[in-house]
Every structure is written in C-alpha cells, then in structure tokens.
C-alpha cells in the first residue's frame, strides 16, 4: 500500500507542477549499466537471457534517481512479460540524442492496447494482471519521468519482433 501511495504522490506532484526541472549531469551509460546488472538475478531466476549493449559516454541533464527508476520500470516489465527462456536486451546509444531501448521476446502487446499503455492503471490484457505484481502505474510513471526530462517514449510490439520500449532524451550539449 505504501508503494501505491508513493507512486500516486509522484504522479500527482508532476500533474500539479510541483517538481522542479532536473538539472544535474547524469551519466546515462553508467546508470543503465548499473541498473541492468541489478536485474541479472531477476533474469536468471526467470530463466531469461539478459544482454546489455550500453554505449559509453552518454550523458543527459536530469535527475539520476528518476532516470534509474525509469530504467528499472522498463527492465522489470520486460522481465515480467518475456516468458521463460526468452531474452531481454537493453541498448543505449547516442545518434544525436540518447536512445534507450529495452526489448523482450515475449508475447506481443495487442496493437489496439499500445496507445493506452502509458495511461494510469491500464492493463493490456488478462495476462498482464495483478498476479504479476504492481498496480498498472509503472509505465505512467515512466512516461512522466521521460516528459519531465523533455524526452519521448514509444512502444513497438509484434509477434515476430517482440516488444521494445524506446526512450529518447536530449544529450548534454558540449
């Protein structure tokens, strides 16, 4: 219950404009690498392969704890919905902007559900139920974090390609 209240408070503060724009320099490369390492045991326990392809030197202006939470939300969802024996891949590159992609080989998210994934309490189907944990707020929080960091988040999911969540964030200007 405490987690639910904290999540709702996080979203409410964002809605009310009660959070200052993040201003610190964050090494997204180090943050994503660390976050991926923390999910190794989760992947192992679920019989998944977890691979990271983190480009070096990718830095953004932001709030480190929120960006870590963003990465953790995406990895947690990827591991939950991948299916035993599947694979999760975390990729970070910087072709003009920071591009973080978390991909899994699990069952696809129906096309009609994809536009609603970032809505609060939304669940795509019965397979994505509370039995997996959570309250349907993770992707809403992820979207709020991305928006606060002046970025974009998108999902692409097909039976052939799996599911990929892609976040783009502005790089620090040199």
N, C-alpha and C. Protein backbone atom coordinates (compact mmCIF):
# COMPACT_ATOMS: atom_id res chain seq x y z
N UNK A 1 0.82 -1.18 0.00
CA UNK A 1 0.00 0.00 0.00
C UNK A 1 0.88 1.26 0.00
N UNK A 2 1.97 1.21 0.77
CA UNK A 2 2.88 2.36 0.83
C UNK A 2 3.43 2.69 -0.56
N UNK A 3 3.81 1.66 -1.31
CA UNK A 3 4.33 1.86 -2.66
C UNK A 3 3.31 2.50 -3.58
N UNK A 4 2.05 2.04 -3.48
CA UNK A 4 0.98 2.62 -4.29
C UNK A 4 0.79 4.10 -3.98
N UNK A 5 0.77 4.43 -2.70
CA UNK A 5 0.60 5.82 -2.29
C UNK A 5 1.77 6.67 -2.79
N UNK A 6 2.99 6.15 -2.68
CA UNK A 6 4.16 6.90 -3.16
C UNK A 6 4.10 7.10 -4.67
N UNK A 7 3.67 6.08 -5.40
CA UNK A 7 3.54 6.21 -6.86
C UNK A 7 2.50 7.26 -7.23
N UNK A 8 1.36 7.23 -6.55
CA UNK A 8 0.31 8.20 -6.83
C UNK A 8 0.76 9.61 -6.47
N UNK A 9 1.49 9.75 -5.38
CA UNK A 9 2.01 11.05 -4.98
C UNK A 9 3.01 11.57 -6.01
N UNK A 10 3.87 10.70 -6.52
CA UNK A 10 4.82 11.08 -7.56
C UNK A 10 4.08 11.64 -8.78
N UNK A 11 3.05 10.93 -9.22
CA UNK A 11 2.28 11.37 -10.39
C UNK A 11 1.51 12.66 -10.09
N UNK A 12 0.96 12.78 -8.90
CA UNK A 12 0.20 13.98 -8.54
C UNK A 12 1.09 15.22 -8.50
N UNK A 13 2.30 15.07 -7.96
CA UNK A 13 3.23 16.21 -7.93
C UNK A 13 3.57 16.66 -9.35
N UNK A 14 3.77 15.70 -10.23
CA UNK A 14 4.05 16.04 -11.63
C UNK A 14 2.88 16.75 -12.28
N UNK A 15 1.67 16.26 -12.00
CA UNK A 15 0.46 16.88 -12.57
C UNK A 15 0.30 18.31 -12.09
N UNK A 16 0.65 18.55 -10.83
CA UNK A 16 0.46 19.87 -10.23
C UNK A 16 1.64 20.80 -10.49
N UNK A 17 2.64 20.31 -11.19
CA UNK A 17 3.82 21.13 -11.46
C UNK A 17 4.66 21.34 -10.21
N UNK A 18 4.56 20.40 -9.27
CA UNK A 18 5.25 20.54 -8.00
C UNK A 18 6.67 20.00 -8.00
N UNK A 19 7.20 19.66 -9.15
CA UNK A 19 8.57 19.15 -9.21
C UNK A 19 9.40 20.10 -10.08
N UNK A 20 10.58 20.44 -9.58
CA UNK A 20 11.47 21.31 -10.34
C UNK A 20 12.08 20.52 -11.49
N UNK A 21 12.44 21.24 -12.56
CA UNK A 21 13.12 20.60 -13.69
C UNK A 21 14.46 20.06 -13.23
N UNK A 22 14.75 18.82 -13.59
CA UNK A 22 16.03 18.24 -13.18
C UNK A 22 17.20 18.96 -13.85
N UNK A 23 18.28 19.20 -13.09
CA UNK A 23 19.40 20.00 -13.60
C UNK A 23 20.77 19.34 -13.49
N UNK A 24 20.89 18.16 -12.91
CA UNK A 24 22.21 17.58 -12.72
C UNK A 24 22.67 16.82 -13.97
N UNK A 25 23.97 16.69 -14.12
CA UNK A 25 24.53 15.90 -15.21
C UNK A 25 24.51 14.43 -14.77
N UNK A 26 23.92 13.60 -15.60
CA UNK A 26 23.77 12.17 -15.28
C UNK A 26 24.43 11.36 -16.37
N UNK A 27 25.33 10.46 -15.98
CA UNK A 27 25.89 9.51 -16.94
C UNK A 27 24.86 8.41 -17.14
N UNK A 28 24.12 8.52 -18.23
CA UNK A 28 23.10 7.53 -18.53
C UNK A 28 23.75 6.17 -18.81
N UNK A 29 24.96 6.19 -19.36
CA UNK A 29 25.68 4.94 -19.62
C UNK A 29 25.91 4.18 -18.32
N UNK A 30 26.47 4.86 -17.32
CA UNK A 30 26.75 4.20 -16.04
C UNK A 30 25.46 3.78 -15.34
N UNK A 31 24.45 4.64 -15.38
CA UNK A 31 23.19 4.36 -14.73
C UNK A 31 22.53 3.12 -15.34
N UNK A 32 22.48 3.04 -16.67
CA UNK A 32 21.85 1.90 -17.35
C UNK A 32 22.63 0.61 -17.13
N UNK A 33 23.95 0.71 -17.13
CA UNK A 33 24.78 -0.47 -16.89
C UNK A 33 24.53 -1.01 -15.48
N UNK A 34 24.50 -0.12 -14.50
CA UNK A 34 24.25 -0.50 -13.12
C UNK A 34 22.86 -1.11 -12.96
N UNK A 35 21.87 -0.50 -13.58
CA UNK A 35 20.51 -0.99 -13.49
C UNK A 35 20.38 -2.37 -14.13
N UNK A 36 21.01 -2.55 -15.29
CA UNK A 36 20.97 -3.85 -15.96
C UNK A 36 21.63 -4.92 -15.09
N UNK A 37 22.75 -4.59 -14.47
CA UNK A 37 23.43 -5.54 -13.58
C UNK A 37 22.53 -5.94 -12.41
N UNK A 38 21.76 -5.00 -11.90
CA UNK A 38 20.89 -5.31 -10.77
C UNK A 38 19.75 -6.25 -11.18
N UNK A 39 19.45 -6.34 -12.47
CA UNK A 39 18.39 -7.23 -12.94
C UNK A 39 18.92 -8.60 -13.38
N UNK A 40 20.23 -8.81 -13.35
CA UNK A 40 20.79 -10.13 -13.68
C UNK A 40 20.16 -11.24 -12.85
N UNK A 41 20.07 -11.10 -11.51
CA UNK A 41 19.47 -12.17 -10.72
C UNK A 41 18.00 -12.41 -11.06
N UNK A 42 17.27 -11.34 -11.36
CA UNK A 42 15.86 -11.46 -11.72
C UNK A 42 15.73 -12.28 -13.01
N UNK A 43 16.54 -11.93 -14.00
CA UNK A 43 16.52 -12.64 -15.27
C UNK A 43 16.90 -14.11 -15.07
N UNK A 44 17.94 -14.35 -14.31
CA UNK A 44 18.40 -15.72 -14.05
C UNK A 44 17.29 -16.54 -13.40
N UNK A 45 16.64 -15.96 -12.39
CA UNK A 45 15.58 -16.66 -11.67
C UNK A 45 14.41 -17.01 -12.59
N UNK A 46 14.17 -16.19 -13.58
CA UNK A 46 13.05 -16.43 -14.51
C UNK A 46 13.46 -17.21 -15.75
N UNK A 47 14.72 -17.62 -15.80
CA UNK A 47 15.19 -18.39 -16.94
C UNK A 47 15.36 -17.57 -18.20
N UNK A 48 15.70 -16.29 -18.05
CA UNK A 48 15.86 -15.38 -19.18
C UNK A 48 17.32 -15.08 -19.45
N UNK A 49 17.59 -14.67 -20.66
CA UNK A 49 18.90 -14.14 -21.00
C UNK A 49 18.78 -12.62 -20.96
N UNK A 50 19.68 -11.96 -20.23
CA UNK A 50 19.70 -10.51 -20.17
C UNK A 50 21.00 -10.02 -20.78
N UNK A 51 20.87 -9.23 -21.83
CA UNK A 51 22.05 -8.70 -22.53
C UNK A 51 21.99 -7.18 -22.51
N UNK A 52 23.15 -6.55 -22.30
CA UNK A 52 23.18 -5.09 -22.37
C UNK A 52 24.20 -4.66 -23.41
N UNK A 53 23.79 -3.67 -24.17
CA UNK A 53 24.64 -3.05 -25.19
C UNK A 53 24.63 -1.54 -24.91
N UNK A 54 25.42 -1.17 -23.92
CA UNK A 54 25.41 0.21 -23.43
C UNK A 54 26.58 0.97 -24.04
N UNK A 55 26.27 1.97 -24.83
CA UNK A 55 27.32 2.81 -25.40
C UNK A 55 27.95 3.67 -24.32
N UNK A 56 29.25 3.90 -24.40
CA UNK A 56 29.93 4.69 -23.37
C UNK A 56 29.71 6.20 -23.56
N UNK A 57 29.82 6.92 -22.45
CA UNK A 57 29.84 8.39 -22.51
C UNK A 57 28.54 9.07 -22.84
N UNK A 58 27.42 8.41 -22.65
CA UNK A 58 26.13 9.03 -22.93
C UNK A 58 25.66 9.73 -21.65
N UNK A 59 25.59 11.06 -21.69
CA UNK A 59 25.17 11.85 -20.53
C UNK A 59 24.01 12.76 -20.89
N UNK A 60 23.14 12.96 -19.90
CA UNK A 60 21.98 13.82 -20.08
C UNK A 60 21.85 14.74 -18.86
N UNK A 61 21.06 15.77 -19.00
CA UNK A 61 20.70 16.61 -17.85
C UNK A 61 19.44 16.00 -17.26
N UNK A 62 19.48 15.73 -15.97
CA UNK A 62 18.32 15.09 -15.39
C UNK A 62 18.41 14.90 -13.90
N UNK A 63 17.58 14.02 -13.43
CA UNK A 63 17.55 13.64 -12.02
C UNK A 63 17.88 12.15 -12.00
N UNK A 64 19.06 11.82 -11.49
CA UNK A 64 19.56 10.46 -11.52
C UNK A 64 18.63 9.42 -10.94
N UNK A 65 18.02 9.72 -9.80
CA UNK A 65 17.16 8.73 -9.16
C UNK A 65 15.92 8.45 -10.02
N UNK A 66 15.40 9.47 -10.70
CA UNK A 66 14.24 9.26 -11.57
C UNK A 66 14.62 8.48 -12.82
N UNK A 67 15.78 8.78 -13.39
CA UNK A 67 16.21 8.05 -14.59
C UNK A 67 16.51 6.59 -14.25
N UNK A 68 17.05 6.34 -13.07
CA UNK A 68 17.26 4.95 -12.63
C UNK A 68 15.90 4.25 -12.49
N UNK A 69 14.93 4.95 -11.94
CA UNK A 69 13.59 4.38 -11.80
C UNK A 69 12.99 4.07 -13.16
N UNK A 70 13.17 4.96 -14.12
CA UNK A 70 12.69 4.74 -15.49
C UNK A 70 13.28 3.45 -16.05
N UNK A 71 14.59 3.32 -15.95
CA UNK A 71 15.26 2.13 -16.47
C UNK A 71 14.76 0.87 -15.76
N UNK A 72 14.60 0.95 -14.44
CA UNK A 72 14.14 -0.20 -13.67
C UNK A 72 12.71 -0.60 -14.04
N UNK A 73 11.85 0.38 -14.27
CA UNK A 73 10.47 0.08 -14.67
C UNK A 73 10.47 -0.69 -16.00
N UNK A 74 11.24 -0.19 -16.95
CA UNK A 74 11.28 -0.85 -18.27
C UNK A 74 11.86 -2.25 -18.18
N UNK A 75 12.94 -2.41 -17.41
CA UNK A 75 13.54 -3.74 -17.24
C UNK A 75 12.61 -4.69 -16.49
N UNK A 76 11.96 -4.18 -15.45
CA UNK A 76 11.05 -5.01 -14.67
C UNK A 76 9.91 -5.52 -15.56
N UNK A 77 9.31 -4.64 -16.34
CA UNK A 77 8.24 -5.06 -17.25
C UNK A 77 8.75 -6.06 -18.28
N UNK A 78 9.92 -5.81 -18.84
CA UNK A 78 10.48 -6.71 -19.84
C UNK A 78 10.69 -8.10 -19.25
N UNK A 79 11.21 -8.17 -18.05
CA UNK A 79 11.43 -9.47 -17.40
C UNK A 79 10.11 -10.15 -17.03
N UNK A 80 9.13 -9.39 -16.56
CA UNK A 80 7.84 -9.96 -16.18
C UNK A 80 7.12 -10.60 -17.36
N UNK A 81 7.17 -9.94 -18.50
CA UNK A 81 6.34 -10.36 -19.62
C UNK A 81 7.11 -11.04 -20.74
N UNK A 82 8.34 -11.42 -20.47
CA UNK A 82 9.17 -12.04 -21.50
C UNK A 82 8.82 -13.50 -21.73
N UNK A 83 8.54 -14.22 -20.71
CA UNK A 83 8.29 -15.65 -20.83
C UNK A 83 9.57 -16.43 -20.64
N UNK A 84 9.46 -17.55 -19.94
CA UNK A 84 10.64 -18.35 -19.62
C UNK A 84 11.41 -18.75 -20.87
N UNK A 85 12.73 -18.64 -20.78
CA UNK A 85 13.59 -18.99 -21.90
C UNK A 85 13.77 -17.87 -22.90
N UNK A 86 13.14 -16.74 -22.66
CA UNK A 86 13.22 -15.61 -23.57
C UNK A 86 14.46 -14.76 -23.32
N UNK A 87 14.49 -13.63 -23.99
CA UNK A 87 15.64 -12.74 -23.88
C UNK A 87 15.19 -11.30 -23.70
N UNK A 88 15.94 -10.58 -22.87
CA UNK A 88 15.75 -9.15 -22.66
C UNK A 88 17.05 -8.47 -23.05
N UNK A 89 16.94 -7.41 -23.84
CA UNK A 89 18.12 -6.66 -24.28
C UNK A 89 17.93 -5.18 -23.96
N UNK A 90 18.95 -4.61 -23.32
CA UNK A 90 18.97 -3.18 -23.01
C UNK A 90 20.02 -2.55 -23.92
N UNK A 91 19.63 -1.54 -24.68
CA UNK A 91 20.54 -0.87 -25.60
C UNK A 91 20.52 0.62 -25.31
N UNK A 92 21.71 1.23 -25.29
CA UNK A 92 21.82 2.68 -25.14
C UNK A 92 22.81 3.17 -26.18
N UNK A 93 22.36 4.13 -26.98
CA UNK A 93 23.23 4.73 -28.00
C UNK A 93 22.98 6.23 -28.02
N UNK A 94 23.78 6.94 -28.80
CA UNK A 94 23.63 8.40 -28.84
C UNK A 94 23.79 8.97 -30.24
N UNK A 95 22.89 8.60 -31.15
CA UNK A 95 22.94 9.18 -32.50
C UNK A 95 22.26 10.55 -32.54
N UNK A 96 22.87 11.54 -31.89
CA UNK A 96 22.29 12.88 -31.84
C UNK A 96 21.41 13.11 -30.63
N UNK A 97 20.99 12.05 -30.00
CA UNK A 97 20.23 12.11 -28.76
C UNK A 97 20.45 10.79 -28.02
N UNK A 98 20.12 10.74 -26.75
CA UNK A 98 20.25 9.49 -26.01
C UNK A 98 19.06 8.61 -26.38
N UNK A 99 19.34 7.38 -26.80
CA UNK A 99 18.29 6.44 -27.18
C UNK A 99 18.44 5.18 -26.35
N UNK A 100 17.50 4.96 -25.44
CA UNK A 100 17.47 3.79 -24.58
C UNK A 100 16.35 2.89 -25.06
N UNK A 101 16.68 1.64 -25.36
CA UNK A 101 15.68 0.67 -25.79
C UNK A 101 15.76 -0.55 -24.90
N UNK A 102 14.61 -0.99 -24.41
CA UNK A 102 14.51 -2.24 -23.65
C UNK A 102 13.58 -3.14 -24.44
N UNK A 103 14.13 -4.26 -24.90
CA UNK A 103 13.42 -5.18 -25.79
C UNK A 103 13.27 -6.54 -25.11
N UNK A 104 12.11 -7.18 -25.32
CA UNK A 104 11.96 -8.56 -24.86
C UNK A 104 11.29 -9.39 -25.93
N UNK A 105 11.48 -10.71 -25.83
CA UNK A 105 10.98 -11.63 -26.85
C UNK A 105 9.66 -12.27 -26.45
N UNK A 106 8.96 -11.72 -25.47
CA UNK A 106 7.70 -12.29 -25.00
C UNK A 106 6.55 -12.07 -25.96
N UNK A 107 5.39 -12.47 -25.51
CA UNK A 107 4.17 -12.31 -26.30
C UNK A 107 3.95 -10.84 -26.62
N UNK A 108 3.45 -10.55 -27.82
CA UNK A 108 3.27 -9.15 -28.19
C UNK A 108 2.12 -8.49 -27.43
N UNK A 109 2.20 -7.18 -27.35
CA UNK A 109 1.12 -6.38 -26.80
C UNK A 109 0.18 -6.07 -27.97
N UNK A 110 -1.11 -6.35 -27.83
CA UNK A 110 -2.03 -6.10 -28.95
C UNK A 110 -1.94 -4.65 -29.44
N UNK A 111 -2.02 -4.48 -30.75
CA UNK A 111 -1.89 -3.16 -31.37
C UNK A 111 -2.90 -2.17 -30.81
N UNK A 112 -4.13 -2.62 -30.55
CA UNK A 112 -5.15 -1.71 -30.04
C UNK A 112 -4.88 -1.27 -28.60
N UNK A 113 -4.06 -2.01 -27.88
CA UNK A 113 -3.73 -1.65 -26.49
C UNK A 113 -2.54 -0.70 -26.41
N UNK A 114 -1.67 -0.71 -27.40
CA UNK A 114 -0.43 0.06 -27.33
C UNK A 114 -0.63 1.55 -27.07
N UNK A 115 -1.61 2.23 -27.68
CA UNK A 115 -1.76 3.67 -27.40
C UNK A 115 -2.17 3.97 -25.95
N UNK A 116 -2.65 2.97 -25.21
CA UNK A 116 -3.15 3.19 -23.85
C UNK A 116 -2.17 2.76 -22.77
N UNK A 117 -1.04 2.21 -23.15
CA UNK A 117 -0.11 1.64 -22.18
C UNK A 117 0.40 2.63 -21.14
N UNK A 118 0.47 3.90 -21.48
CA UNK A 118 1.02 4.89 -20.57
C UNK A 118 -0.05 5.57 -19.72
N UNK A 119 -1.30 5.08 -19.82
CA UNK A 119 -2.40 5.59 -19.00
C UNK A 119 -2.33 4.92 -17.63
N UNK A 120 -2.72 5.67 -16.62
CA UNK A 120 -2.71 5.14 -15.25
C UNK A 120 -3.68 3.98 -15.10
N UNK A 121 -3.23 2.94 -14.43
CA UNK A 121 -3.99 1.74 -14.10
C UNK A 121 -4.37 0.89 -15.31
N UNK A 122 -3.86 1.22 -16.49
CA UNK A 122 -4.22 0.46 -17.68
C UNK A 122 -3.48 -0.88 -17.71
N UNK A 123 -4.17 -1.93 -18.08
CA UNK A 123 -3.57 -3.25 -18.28
C UNK A 123 -4.03 -3.75 -19.64
N UNK A 124 -3.08 -4.21 -20.44
CA UNK A 124 -3.39 -4.57 -21.83
C UNK A 124 -4.31 -5.78 -21.93
N UNK A 125 -4.11 -6.77 -21.08
CA UNK A 125 -4.94 -7.97 -21.17
C UNK A 125 -4.85 -8.75 -19.87
N UNK A 126 -5.60 -9.84 -19.80
CA UNK A 126 -5.65 -10.64 -18.58
C UNK A 126 -4.28 -11.20 -18.20
N UNK A 127 -3.42 -11.43 -19.18
CA UNK A 127 -2.09 -11.96 -18.89
C UNK A 127 -1.25 -10.95 -18.12
N UNK A 128 -1.60 -9.69 -18.22
CA UNK A 128 -0.86 -8.64 -17.52
C UNK A 128 -1.69 -8.22 -16.30
N UNK A 129 -1.87 -9.17 -15.40
CA UNK A 129 -2.74 -8.94 -14.25
C UNK A 129 -1.95 -8.62 -13.00
N UNK A 130 -2.66 -8.35 -11.93
CA UNK A 130 -2.03 -8.04 -10.66
C UNK A 130 -1.24 -9.22 -10.11
N UNK A 131 -1.48 -10.44 -10.62
CA UNK A 131 -0.69 -11.58 -10.17
C UNK A 131 0.78 -11.36 -10.47
N UNK A 132 1.09 -10.58 -11.49
CA UNK A 132 2.47 -10.27 -11.83
C UNK A 132 3.03 -9.18 -10.91
N UNK A 133 2.17 -8.57 -10.11
CA UNK A 133 2.60 -7.51 -9.20
C UNK A 133 2.31 -6.15 -9.79
N UNK A 134 2.24 -5.14 -8.93
CA UNK A 134 2.03 -3.78 -9.38
C UNK A 134 0.57 -3.41 -9.50
N UNK A 135 0.35 -2.15 -9.87
CA UNK A 135 -1.00 -1.60 -9.94
C UNK A 135 -1.30 -0.96 -11.29
N UNK A 136 -0.44 -1.14 -12.27
CA UNK A 136 -0.68 -0.52 -13.56
C UNK A 136 -0.22 0.92 -13.62
N UNK A 137 0.74 1.29 -12.76
CA UNK A 137 1.23 2.67 -12.75
C UNK A 137 2.64 2.81 -13.29
N UNK A 138 3.36 1.72 -13.44
CA UNK A 138 4.76 1.78 -13.84
C UNK A 138 5.01 2.54 -15.13
N UNK A 139 4.29 2.21 -16.18
CA UNK A 139 4.51 2.89 -17.45
C UNK A 139 4.02 4.33 -17.42
N UNK A 140 3.02 4.63 -16.59
CA UNK A 140 2.59 6.03 -16.41
C UNK A 140 3.70 6.83 -15.75
N UNK A 141 4.35 6.23 -14.76
CA UNK A 141 5.46 6.89 -14.09
C UNK A 141 6.62 7.05 -15.06
N UNK A 142 6.91 6.00 -15.85
CA UNK A 142 7.98 6.09 -16.84
C UNK A 142 7.72 7.24 -17.81
N UNK A 143 6.49 7.34 -18.30
CA UNK A 143 6.14 8.42 -19.23
C UNK A 143 6.29 9.80 -18.58
N UNK A 144 5.91 9.90 -17.31
CA UNK A 144 6.03 11.19 -16.60
C UNK A 144 7.50 11.57 -16.44
N UNK A 145 8.35 10.59 -16.13
CA UNK A 145 9.78 10.86 -16.00
C UNK A 145 10.36 11.32 -17.33
N UNK A 146 10.00 10.63 -18.39
CA UNK A 146 10.50 10.99 -19.72
C UNK A 146 10.06 12.39 -20.10
N UNK A 147 8.80 12.71 -19.86
CA UNK A 147 8.28 14.04 -20.19
C UNK A 147 9.01 15.11 -19.39
N UNK A 148 9.23 14.85 -18.10
CA UNK A 148 9.93 15.81 -17.24
C UNK A 148 11.35 16.07 -17.74
N UNK A 149 11.94 15.08 -18.41
CA UNK A 149 13.30 15.20 -18.94
C UNK A 149 13.30 15.62 -20.42
N UNK A 150 12.16 16.13 -20.88
CA UNK A 150 12.00 16.64 -22.25
C UNK A 150 12.27 15.58 -23.31
N UNK A 151 11.86 14.36 -23.02
CA UNK A 151 12.09 13.27 -23.95
C UNK A 151 10.80 12.70 -24.49
N UNK A 152 10.92 11.55 -25.13
CA UNK A 152 9.78 10.83 -25.70
C UNK A 152 9.92 9.36 -25.39
N UNK A 153 8.79 8.69 -25.24
CA UNK A 153 8.78 7.24 -25.02
C UNK A 153 7.78 6.64 -26.00
N UNK A 154 8.15 5.48 -26.54
CA UNK A 154 7.28 4.81 -27.51
C UNK A 154 7.40 3.31 -27.32
N UNK A 155 6.41 2.60 -27.82
CA UNK A 155 6.42 1.14 -27.78
C UNK A 155 6.19 0.60 -29.17
N UNK A 156 6.86 -0.50 -29.47
CA UNK A 156 6.65 -1.24 -30.73
C UNK A 156 6.59 -2.70 -30.35
N UNK A 157 5.50 -3.39 -30.73
CA UNK A 157 5.33 -4.78 -30.32
C UNK A 157 4.65 -5.58 -31.42
N UNK A 158 5.33 -6.64 -31.87
CA UNK A 158 4.76 -7.56 -32.84
C UNK A 158 5.16 -8.98 -32.45
N UNK A 159 4.42 -9.95 -32.96
CA UNK A 159 4.73 -11.35 -32.68
C UNK A 159 6.11 -11.73 -33.22
N UNK A 160 6.48 -11.17 -34.36
CA UNK A 160 7.75 -11.51 -34.99
C UNK A 160 8.95 -10.85 -34.31
N UNK A 161 8.78 -9.62 -33.84
CA UNK A 161 9.91 -8.85 -33.32
C UNK A 161 9.95 -8.75 -31.81
N UNK A 162 8.89 -9.13 -31.11
CA UNK A 162 8.83 -8.96 -29.67
C UNK A 162 8.37 -7.55 -29.33
N UNK A 163 8.69 -7.12 -28.12
CA UNK A 163 8.26 -5.81 -27.63
C UNK A 163 9.47 -4.95 -27.30
N UNK A 164 9.45 -3.71 -27.76
CA UNK A 164 10.54 -2.77 -27.46
C UNK A 164 9.95 -1.45 -27.00
N UNK A 165 10.43 -0.99 -25.85
CA UNK A 165 10.12 0.35 -25.38
C UNK A 165 11.35 1.20 -25.66
N UNK A 166 11.15 2.32 -26.33
CA UNK A 166 12.26 3.20 -26.70
C UNK A 166 12.05 4.57 -26.10
N UNK A 167 13.10 5.05 -25.40
CA UNK A 167 13.10 6.36 -24.79
C UNK A 167 14.16 7.19 -25.48
N UNK A 168 13.79 8.40 -25.88
CA UNK A 168 14.78 9.34 -26.43
C UNK A 168 14.83 10.55 -25.50
N UNK A 169 16.07 10.97 -25.20
CA UNK A 169 16.31 12.11 -24.31
C UNK A 169 17.34 13.01 -24.94
N UNK A 170 17.26 14.32 -24.71
CA UNK A 170 18.29 15.22 -25.24
C UNK A 170 19.63 14.97 -24.54
N UNK A 171 20.68 14.95 -25.34
CA UNK A 171 22.04 14.83 -24.80
C UNK A 171 22.48 16.15 -24.21
N UNK A 172 23.49 16.11 -23.35
CA UNK A 172 24.09 17.34 -22.86
C UNK A 172 24.86 17.96 -24.00
N UNK A 173 24.63 19.22 -24.21
CA UNK A 173 25.34 19.92 -25.28
C UNK A 173 26.76 20.23 -24.82
N UNK A 174 27.72 19.88 -25.65
CA UNK A 174 29.14 20.09 -25.29
C UNK A 174 29.52 21.54 -25.40
